[in-house]
Amino acid sequence: MPVPGPIPARSIRRRFVRFMRVAAALAIVIAAIAVLLVARGQSQLHVPMLITIALGIGLTVLLGVAVVAFSPTNRSGRDGETGATPSESDPS
């Protein structure tokens, strides 16, 4: 199986920015849904509580997406040691 060459840093940065833009849109939608659900269930609206909910949920989603984006993965989507025997894949 041919080994792919190194990916240029500019390409990685561009892919990360695009990924985070989509994640930011997703976080805004999720936070808006959460605020609507909380506001619908409350008889008396407290603006600071709604702002806190929106920021908390939105930033949590963004943090989770950033952690996943920075996790080291094989771009091919396959395990490098899929066909290896247990003795070959054992580092000890």
PDB file of N, CA and C in Angstrom:
ATOM      1  N   MET A   1       0.850  -1.167   0.000  1.00  0.00           N
ATOM      2  CA  MET A   1       0.000   0.000   0.000  1.00  0.00           C
ATOM      3  C   MET A   1       0.899   1.234   0.000  1.00  0.00           C
ATOM      4  N   PRO A   2       0.666   2.170  -0.932  1.00  0.00           N
ATOM      5  CA  PRO A   2       1.512   3.371  -0.977  1.00  0.00           C
ATOM      6  C   PRO A   2       1.257   4.272   0.229  1.00  0.00           C
ATOM      7  N   VAL A   3       2.331   4.845   0.712  1.00  0.00           N
ATOM      8  CA  VAL A   3       2.247   5.766   1.848  1.00  0.00           C
ATOM      9  C   VAL A   3       2.060   7.173   1.302  1.00  0.00           C
ATOM     10  N   PRO A   4       0.987   7.882   1.736  1.00  0.00           N
ATOM     11  CA  PRO A   4       0.784   9.243   1.239  1.00  0.00           C
ATOM     12  C   PRO A   4       1.857  10.183   1.759  1.00  0.00           C
ATOM     13  N   GLY A   5       2.165  11.185   0.962  1.00  0.00           N
ATOM     14  CA  GLY A   5       3.159  12.174   1.352  1.00  0.00           C
ATOM     15  C   GLY A   5       2.630  13.084   2.444  1.00  0.00           C
ATOM     16  N   PRO A   6       3.496  13.920   3.001  1.00  0.00           N
ATOM     17  CA  PRO A   6       3.051  14.834   4.061  1.00  0.00           C
ATOM     18  C   PRO A   6       2.059  15.863   3.515  1.00  0.00           C
ATOM     19  N   ILE A   7       1.108  16.226   4.349  1.00  0.00           N
ATOM     20  CA  ILE A   7       0.099  17.207   3.970  1.00  0.00           C
ATOM     21  C   ILE A   7       0.628  18.593   4.327  1.00  0.00           C
ATOM     22  N   PRO A   8       0.587  19.540   3.391  1.00  0.00           N
ATOM     23  CA  PRO A   8       1.082  20.897   3.693  1.00  0.00           C
ATOM     24  C   PRO A   8       0.301  21.545   4.835  1.00  0.00           C
ATOM     25  N   ALA A   9       0.999  22.350   5.620  1.00  0.00           N
ATOM     26  CA  ALA A   9       0.392  22.992   6.791  1.00  0.00           C
ATOM     27  C   ALA A   9      -0.764  23.909   6.399  1.00  0.00           C
ATOM     28  N   ARG A  10      -0.667  24.557   5.278  1.00  0.00           N
ATOM     29  CA  ARG A  10      -1.731  25.460   4.834  1.00  0.00           C
ATOM     30  C   ARG A  10      -3.021  24.686   4.565  1.00  0.00           C
ATOM     31  N   SER A  11      -2.892  23.509   3.988  1.00  0.00           N
ATOM     32  CA  SER A  11      -4.055  22.673   3.729  1.00  0.00           C
ATOM     33  C   SER A  11      -4.703  22.208   5.032  1.00  0.00           C
ATOM     34  N   ILE A  12      -3.889  21.861   5.998  1.00  0.00           N
ATOM     35  CA  ILE A  12      -4.410  21.425   7.298  1.00  0.00           C
ATOM     36  C   ILE A  12      -5.130  22.578   7.986  1.00  0.00           C
ATOM     37  N   ARG A  13      -4.530  23.755   7.954  1.00  0.00           N
ATOM     38  CA  ARG A  13      -5.141  24.926   8.582  1.00  0.00           C
ATOM     39  C   ARG A  13      -6.463  25.278   7.908  1.00  0.00           C
ATOM     40  N   ARG A  14      -6.501  25.211   6.582  1.00  0.00           N
ATOM     41  CA  ARG A  14      -7.723  25.528   5.844  1.00  0.00           C
ATOM     42  C   ARG A  14      -8.831  24.529   6.188  1.00  0.00           C
ATOM     43  N   ARG A  15      -8.474  23.261   6.271  1.00  0.00           N
ATOM     44  CA  ARG A  15      -9.448  22.233   6.623  1.00  0.00           C
ATOM     45  C   ARG A  15      -9.969  22.432   8.050  1.00  0.00           C
ATOM     46  N   PHE A  16      -9.075  22.798   8.969  1.00  0.00           N
ATOM     47  CA  PHE A  16      -9.477  23.026  10.357  1.00  0.00           C
ATOM     48  C   PHE A  16     -10.419  24.218  10.464  1.00  0.00           C
ATOM     49  N   VAL A  17     -10.125  25.304   9.776  1.00  0.00           N
ATOM     50  CA  VAL A  17     -10.979  26.501   9.813  1.00  0.00           C
ATOM     51  C   VAL A  17     -12.355  26.180   9.244  1.00  0.00           C
ATOM     52  N   ARG A  18     -12.393  25.440   8.145  1.00  0.00           N
ATOM     53  CA  ARG A  18     -13.678  25.069   7.556  1.00  0.00           C
ATOM     54  C   ARG A  18     -14.468  24.178   8.522  1.00  0.00           C
ATOM     55  N   PHE A  19     -13.791  23.248   9.160  1.00  0.00           N
ATOM     56  CA  PHE A  19     -14.416  22.343  10.119  1.00  0.00           C
ATOM     57  C   PHE A  19     -14.977  23.126  11.303  1.00  0.00           C
ATOM     58  N   MET A  20     -14.222  24.106  11.792  1.00  0.00           N
ATOM     59  CA  MET A  20     -14.666  24.895  12.941  1.00  0.00           C
ATOM     60  C   MET A  20     -15.815  25.846  12.578  1.00  0.00           C
ATOM     61  N   ARG A  21     -15.868  26.311  11.333  1.00  0.00           N
ATOM     62  CA  ARG A  21     -17.005  27.144  10.915  1.00  0.00           C
ATOM     63  C   ARG A  21     -18.298  26.343  10.950  1.00  0.00           C
ATOM     64  N   VAL A  22     -18.242  25.137  10.437  1.00  0.00           N
ATOM     65  CA  VAL A  22     -19.422  24.266  10.477  1.00  0.00           C
ATOM     66  C   VAL A  22     -19.787  23.962  11.929  1.00  0.00           C
ATOM     67  N   ALA A  23     -18.779  23.711  12.755  1.00  0.00           N
ATOM     68  CA  ALA A  23     -19.023  23.418  14.167  1.00  0.00           C
ATOM     69  C   ALA A  23     -19.626  24.625  14.877  1.00  0.00           C
ATOM     70  N   ALA A  24     -19.193  25.831  14.545  1.00  0.00           N
ATOM     71  CA  ALA A  24     -19.749  27.032  15.164  1.00  0.00           C
ATOM     72  C   ALA A  24     -21.220  27.197  14.784  1.00  0.00           C
ATOM     73  N   ALA A  25     -21.550  26.940  13.537  1.00  0.00           N
ATOM     74  CA  ALA A  25     -22.953  27.006  13.123  1.00  0.00           C
ATOM     75  C   ALA A  25     -23.781  25.962  13.865  1.00  0.00           C
ATOM     76  N   LEU A  26     -23.234  24.765  14.006  1.00  0.00           N
ATOM     77  CA  LEU A  26     -23.921  23.702  14.741  1.00  0.00           C
ATOM     78  C   LEU A  26     -24.100  24.087  16.206  1.00  0.00           C
ATOM     79  N   ALA A  27     -23.085  24.668  16.816  1.00  0.00           N
ATOM     80  CA  ALA A  27     -23.166  25.081  18.220  1.00  0.00           C
ATOM     81  C   ALA A  27     -24.223  26.159  18.416  1.00  0.00           C
ATOM     82  N   ILE A  28     -24.328  27.083  17.477  1.00  0.00           N
ATOM     83  CA  ILE A  28     -25.340  28.143  17.573  1.00  0.00           C
ATOM     84  C   ILE A  28     -26.740  27.549  17.479  1.00  0.00           C
ATOM     85  N   VAL A  29     -26.926  26.616  16.566  1.00  0.00           N
ATOM     86  CA  VAL A  29     -28.241  25.985  16.414  1.00  0.00           C
ATOM     87  C   VAL A  29     -28.608  25.204  17.673  1.00  0.00           C
ATOM     88  N   ILE A  30     -27.676  24.430  18.207  1.00  0.00           N
ATOM     89  CA  ILE A  30     -27.938  23.639  19.411  1.00  0.00           C
ATOM     90  C   ILE A  30     -28.228  24.549  20.608  1.00  0.00           C
ATOM     91  N   ALA A  31     -27.456  25.618  20.750  1.00  0.00           N
ATOM     92  CA  ALA A  31     -27.688  26.555  21.857  1.00  0.00           C
ATOM     93  C   ALA A  31     -29.042  27.246  21.715  1.00  0.00           C
ATOM     94  N   ALA A  32     -29.423  27.600  20.503  1.00  0.00           N
ATOM     95  CA  ALA A  32     -30.720  28.246  20.289  1.00  0.00           C
ATOM     96  C   ALA A  32     -31.863  27.295  20.631  1.00  0.00           C
ATOM     97  N   ILE A  33     -31.729  26.025  20.254  1.00  0.00           N
ATOM     98  CA  ILE A  33     -32.754  25.036  20.594  1.00  0.00           C
ATOM     99  C   ILE A  33     -32.863  24.885  22.113  1.00  0.00           C
ATOM    100  N   ALA A  34     -31.718  24.843  22.788  1.00  0.00           N
ATOM    101  CA  ALA A  34     -31.732  24.709  24.244  1.00  0.00           C
ATOM    102  C   ALA A  34     -32.392  25.920  24.909  1.00  0.00           C
ATOM    103  N   VAL A  35     -32.088  27.110  24.433  1.00  0.00           N
ATOM    104  CA  VAL A  35     -32.687  28.325  25.001  1.00  0.00           C
ATOM    105  C   VAL A  35     -34.196  28.328  24.757  1.00  0.00           C
ATOM    106  N   LEU A  36     -34.624  27.921  23.560  1.00  0.00           N
ATOM    107  CA  LEU A  36     -36.061  27.866  23.279  1.00  0.00           C
ATOM    108  C   LEU A  36     -36.767  26.860  24.176  1.00  0.00           C
ATOM    109  N   LEU A  37     -36.150  25.715  24.393  1.00  0.00           N
ATOM    110  CA  LEU A  37     -36.769  24.711  25.263  1.00  0.00           C
ATOM    111  C   LEU A  37     -36.869  25.192  26.705  1.00  0.00           C
ATOM    112  N   VAL A  38     -35.830  25.851  27.183  1.00  0.00           N
ATOM    113  CA  VAL A  38     -35.864  26.367  28.553  1.00  0.00           C
ATOM    114  C   VAL A  38     -36.871  27.507  28.669  1.00  0.00           C
ATOM    115  N   ALA A  39     -36.891  28.388  27.687  1.00  0.00           N
ATOM    116  CA  ALA A  39     -37.812  29.526  27.725  1.00  0.00           C
ATOM    117  C   ALA A  39     -39.264  29.060  27.628  1.00  0.00           C
ATOM    118  N   ARG A  40     -39.500  28.004  26.883  1.00  0.00           N
ATOM    119  CA  ARG A  40     -40.862  27.486  26.745  1.00  0.00           C
ATOM    120  C   ARG A  40     -41.366  26.869  28.048  1.00  0.00           C
ATOM    121  N   GLY A  41     -40.460  26.295  28.823  1.00  0.00           N
ATOM    122  CA  GLY A  41     -40.851  25.649  30.064  1.00  0.00           C
ATOM    123  C   GLY A  41     -40.940  26.592  31.252  1.00  0.00           C
ATOM    124  N   GLN A  42     -40.411  27.779  31.146  1.00  0.00           N
ATOM    125  CA  GLN A  42     -40.409  28.740  32.257  1.00  0.00           C
ATOM    126  C   GLN A  42     -41.590  29.702  32.120  1.00  0.00           C
ATOM    127  N   SER A  43     -42.255  29.990  33.227  1.00  0.00           N
ATOM    128  CA  SER A  43     -43.328  30.980  33.190  1.00  0.00           C
ATOM    129  C   SER A  43     -42.755  32.395  33.269  1.00  0.00           C
ATOM    130  N   GLN A  44     -41.624  32.518  33.950  1.00  0.00           N
ATOM    131  CA  GLN A  44     -40.969  33.811  34.097  1.00  0.00           C
ATOM    132  C   GLN A  44     -39.578  33.711  33.480  1.00  0.00           C
ATOM    133  N   LEU A  45     -39.283  34.555  32.508  1.00  0.00           N
ATOM    134  CA  LEU A  45     -37.992  34.498  31.823  1.00  0.00           C
ATOM    135  C   LEU A  45     -36.950  35.311  32.571  1.00  0.00           C
ATOM    136  N   HIS A  46     -35.800  34.723  32.747  1.00  0.00           N
ATOM    137  CA  HIS A  46     -34.655  35.406  33.351  1.00  0.00           C
ATOM    138  C   HIS A  46     -33.568  35.473  32.282  1.00  0.00           C
ATOM    139  N   VAL A  47     -33.313  36.665  31.798  1.00  0.00           N
ATOM    140  CA  VAL A  47     -32.363  36.864  30.698  1.00  0.00           C
ATOM    141  C   VAL A  47     -30.961  36.365  31.045  1.00  0.00           C
ATOM    142  N   PRO A  48     -30.424  36.634  32.247  1.00  0.00           N
ATOM    143  CA  PRO A  48     -29.084  36.117  32.544  1.00  0.00           C
ATOM    144  C   PRO A  48     -29.002  34.586  32.493  1.00  0.00           C
ATOM    145  N   MET A  49     -30.083  33.915  32.897  1.00  0.00           N
ATOM    146  CA  MET A  49     -30.093  32.459  32.840  1.00  0.00           C
ATOM    147  C   MET A  49     -30.065  31.968  31.388  1.00  0.00           C
ATOM    148  N   LEU A  50     -30.825  32.623  30.521  1.00  0.00           N
ATOM    149  CA  LEU A  50     -30.846  32.223  29.111  1.00  0.00           C
ATOM    150  C   LEU A  50     -29.496  32.483  28.443  1.00  0.00           C
ATOM    151  N   ILE A  51     -28.854  33.582  28.789  1.00  0.00           N
ATOM    152  CA  ILE A  51     -27.532  33.878  28.237  1.00  0.00           C
ATOM    153  C   ILE A  51     -26.519  32.842  28.711  1.00  0.00           C
ATOM    154  N   THR A  52     -26.605  32.493  29.984  1.00  0.00           N
ATOM    155  CA  THR A  52     -25.690  31.486  30.532  1.00  0.00           C
ATOM    156  C   THR A  52     -25.890  30.137  29.864  1.00  0.00           C
ATOM    157  N   ILE A  53     -27.127  29.751  29.645  1.00  0.00           N
ATOM    158  CA  ILE A  53     -27.405  28.477  28.975  1.00  0.00           C
ATOM    159  C   ILE A  53     -26.856  28.493  27.558  1.00  0.00           C
ATOM    160  N   ALA A  54     -27.104  29.568  26.834  1.00  0.00           N
ATOM    161  CA  ALA A  54     -26.630  29.657  25.451  1.00  0.00           C
ATOM    162  C   ALA A  54     -25.103  29.592  25.381  1.00  0.00           C
ATOM    163  N   LEU A  55     -24.436  30.362  26.237  1.00  0.00           N
ATOM    164  CA  LEU A  55     -22.970  30.349  26.230  1.00  0.00           C
ATOM    165  C   LEU A  55     -22.406  29.012  26.691  1.00  0.00           C
ATOM    166  N   GLY A  56     -22.985  28.445  27.734  1.00  0.00           N
ATOM    167  CA  GLY A  56     -22.489  27.175  28.254  1.00  0.00           C
ATOM    168  C   GLY A  56     -22.608  26.050  27.253  1.00  0.00           C
ATOM    169  N   ILE A  57     -23.766  25.911  26.643  1.00  0.00           N
ATOM    170  CA  ILE A  57     -23.966  24.828  25.681  1.00  0.00           C
ATOM    171  C   ILE A  57     -23.175  25.095  24.404  1.00  0.00           C
ATOM    172  N   GLY A  58     -23.183  26.319  23.921  1.00  0.00           N
ATOM    173  CA  GLY A  58     -22.445  26.634  22.692  1.00  0.00           C
ATOM    174  C   GLY A  58     -20.950  26.415  22.833  1.00  0.00           C
ATOM    175  N   LEU A  59     -20.374  26.884  23.929  1.00  0.00           N
ATOM    176  CA  LEU A  59     -18.934  26.714  24.127  1.00  0.00           C
ATOM    177  C   LEU A  59     -18.560  25.259  24.410  1.00  0.00           C
ATOM    178  N   THR A  60     -19.450  24.515  25.054  1.00  0.00           N
ATOM    179  CA  THR A  60     -19.180  23.100  25.289  1.00  0.00           C
ATOM    180  C   THR A  60     -19.145  22.331  23.978  1.00  0.00           C
ATOM    181  N   VAL A  61     -20.073  22.626  23.088  1.00  0.00           N
ATOM    182  CA  VAL A  61     -20.078  21.968  21.773  1.00  0.00           C
ATOM    183  C   VAL A  61     -18.816  22.329  21.002  1.00  0.00           C
ATOM    184  N   LEU A  62     -18.438  23.601  21.025  1.00  0.00           N
ATOM    185  CA  LEU A  62     -17.218  24.012  20.312  1.00  0.00           C
ATOM    186  C   LEU A  62     -15.971  23.358  20.895  1.00  0.00           C
ATOM    187  N   LEU A  63     -15.901  23.253  22.202  1.00  0.00           N
ATOM    188  CA  LEU A  63     -14.751  22.612  22.834  1.00  0.00           C
ATOM    189  C   LEU A  63     -14.675  21.136  22.443  1.00  0.00           C
ATOM    190  N   GLY A  64     -15.794  20.460  22.462  1.00  0.00           N
ATOM    191  CA  GLY A  64     -15.809  19.052  22.062  1.00  0.00           C
ATOM    192  C   GLY A  64     -15.385  18.860  20.617  1.00  0.00           C
ATOM    193  N   VAL A  65     -15.851  19.720  19.742  1.00  0.00           N
ATOM    194  CA  VAL A  65     -15.465  19.626  18.327  1.00  0.00           C
ATOM    195  C   VAL A  65     -13.983  19.921  18.154  1.00  0.00           C
ATOM    196  N   ALA A  66     -13.453  20.894  18.876  1.00  0.00           N
ATOM    197  CA  ALA A  66     -12.029  21.219  18.770  1.00  0.00           C
ATOM    198  C   ALA A  66     -11.166  20.061  19.255  1.00  0.00           C
ATOM    199  N   VAL A  67     -11.583  19.386  20.319  1.00  0.00           N
ATOM    200  CA  VAL A  67     -10.823  18.238  20.811  1.00  0.00           C
ATOM    201  C   VAL A  67     -10.802  17.133  19.758  1.00  0.00           C
ATOM    202  N   VAL A  68     -11.941  16.883  19.137  1.00  0.00           N
ATOM    203  CA  VAL A  68     -12.007  15.864  18.096  1.00  0.00           C
ATOM    204  C   VAL A  68     -11.172  16.293  16.890  1.00  0.00           C
ATOM    205  N   ALA A  69     -11.194  17.564  16.548  1.00  0.00           N
ATOM    206  CA  ALA A  69     -10.428  18.047  15.393  1.00  0.00           C
ATOM    207  C   ALA A  69      -8.932  17.917  15.608  1.00  0.00           C
ATOM    208  N   PHE A  70      -8.468  18.088  16.843  1.00  0.00           N
ATOM    209  CA  PHE A  70      -7.039  18.001  17.118  1.00  0.00           C
ATOM    210  C   PHE A  70      -6.565  16.588  17.421  1.00  0.00           C
ATOM    211  N   SER A  71      -7.480  15.638  17.539  1.00  0.00           N
ATOM    212  CA  SER A  71      -7.062  14.271  17.848  1.00  0.00           C
ATOM    213  C   SER A  71      -6.338  13.684  16.642  1.00  0.00           C
ATOM    214  N   PRO A  72      -5.244  12.974  16.892  1.00  0.00           N
ATOM    215  CA  PRO A  72      -4.481  12.414  15.775  1.00  0.00           C
ATOM    216  C   PRO A  72      -5.242  11.258  15.135  1.00  0.00           C
ATOM    217  N   THR A  73      -5.452  11.356  13.833  1.00  0.00           N
ATOM    218  CA  THR A  73      -6.138  10.293  13.109  1.00  0.00           C
ATOM    219  C   THR A  73      -5.370   9.966  11.851  1.00  0.00           C
ATOM    220  N   ASN A  74      -5.628   8.808  11.362  1.00  0.00           N
ATOM    221  CA  ASN A  74      -5.086   8.399  10.080  1.00  0.00           C
ATOM    222  C   ASN A  74      -6.070   8.886   9.022  1.00  0.00           C
ATOM    223  N   ARG A  75      -5.644   9.699   8.085  1.00  0.00           N
ATOM    224  CA  ARG A  75      -6.541  10.306   7.100  1.00  0.00           C
ATOM    225  C   ARG A  75      -7.193   9.271   6.186  1.00  0.00           C
ATOM    226  N   SER A  76      -6.625   8.084   6.075  1.00  0.00           N
ATOM    227  CA  SER A  76      -7.203   7.083   5.193  1.00  0.00           C
ATOM    228  C   SER A  76      -8.445   6.455   5.801  1.00  0.00           C
ATOM    229  N   GLY A  77      -8.646   6.606   7.105  1.00  0.00           N
ATOM    230  CA  GLY A  77      -9.805   6.033   7.751  1.00  0.00           C
ATOM    231  C   GLY A  77      -9.631   4.576   8.127  1.00  0.00           C
ATOM    232  N   ARG A  78      -8.458   4.031   7.943  1.00  0.00           N
ATOM    233  CA  ARG A  78      -8.194   2.632   8.261  1.00  0.00           C
ATOM    234  C   ARG A  78      -7.115   2.552   9.323  1.00  0.00           C
ATOM    235  N   ASP A  79      -7.186   1.509  10.088  1.00  0.00           N
ATOM    236  CA  ASP A  79      -6.165   1.260  11.093  1.00  0.00           C
ATOM    237  C   ASP A  79      -4.888   0.795  10.406  1.00  0.00           C
ATOM    238  N   GLY A  80      -3.756   1.289  10.837  1.00  0.00           N
ATOM    239  CA  GLY A  80      -2.487   0.878  10.236  1.00  0.00           C
ATOM    240  C   GLY A  80      -2.122  -0.552  10.579  1.00  0.00           C
ATOM    241  N   GLU A  81      -2.632  -1.059  11.679  1.00  0.00           N
ATOM    242  CA  GLU A  81      -2.269  -2.401  12.122  1.00  0.00           C
ATOM    243  C   GLU A  81      -3.444  -3.373  11.982  1.00  0.00           C
ATOM    244  N   THR A  82      -4.317  -3.146  11.030  1.00  0.00           N
ATOM    245  CA  THR A  82      -5.499  -3.986  10.891  1.00  0.00           C
ATOM    246  C   THR A  82      -5.133  -5.438  10.619  1.00  0.00           C
ATOM    247  N   GLY A  83      -4.193  -5.654   9.741  1.00  0.00           N
ATOM    248  CA  GLY A  83      -3.831  -7.022   9.376  1.00  0.00           C
ATOM    249  C   GLY A  83      -2.682  -7.587  10.190  1.00  0.00           C
ATOM    250  N   ALA A  84      -2.199  -6.857  11.179  1.00  0.00           N
ATOM    251  CA  ALA A  84      -1.048  -7.298  11.953  1.00  0.00           C
ATOM    252  C   ALA A  84      -1.447  -8.356  12.968  1.00  0.00           C
ATOM    253  N   THR A  85      -0.538  -9.245  13.246  1.00  0.00           N
ATOM    254  CA  THR A  85      -0.780 -10.241  14.289  1.00  0.00           C
ATOM    255  C   THR A  85      -0.596  -9.575  15.648  1.00  0.00           C
ATOM    256  N   PRO A  86      -1.135 -10.148  16.727  1.00  0.00           N
ATOM    257  CA  PRO A  86      -1.013  -9.528  18.048  1.00  0.00           C
ATOM    258  C   PRO A  86       0.418  -9.279  18.471  1.00  0.00           C
ATOM    259  N   SER A  87       1.344 -10.137  18.082  1.00  0.00           N
ATOM    260  CA  SER A  87       2.736  -9.930  18.497  1.00  0.00           C
ATOM    261  C   SER A  87       3.359  -8.742  17.757  1.00  0.00           C
ATOM    262  N   GLU A  88       2.923  -8.475  16.531  1.00  0.00           N
ATOM    263  CA  GLU A  88       3.457  -7.345  15.775  1.00  0.00           C
ATOM    264  C   GLU A  88       2.924  -6.009  16.265  1.00  0.00           C
ATOM    265  N   SER A  89       1.673  -5.982  16.714  1.00  0.00           N
ATOM    266  CA  SER A  89       1.083  -4.717  17.150  1.00  0.00           C
ATOM    267  C   SER A  89       1.355  -4.412  18.615  1.00  0.00           C
ATOM    268  N   ASP A  90       1.851  -5.373  19.380  1.00  0.00           N
ATOM    269  CA  ASP A  90       2.162  -5.172  20.801  1.00  0.00           C
ATOM    270  C   ASP A  90       3.476  -4.417  20.930  1.00  0.00           C
ATOM    271  N   PRO A  91       3.472  -3.211  21.537  1.00  0.00           N
ATOM    272  CA  PRO A  91       4.709  -2.431  21.618  1.00  0.00           C
ATOM    273  C   PRO A  91       5.734  -3.005  22.594  1.00  0.00           C
ATOM    274  N   SER A  92       5.374  -3.906  23.487  1.00  0.00           N
ATOM    275  CA  SER A  92       6.335  -4.402  24.470  1.00  0.00           C
ATOM    276  C   SER A  92       7.149  -5.551  23.976  1.00  0.00           C
TER     277      SER A  92
END
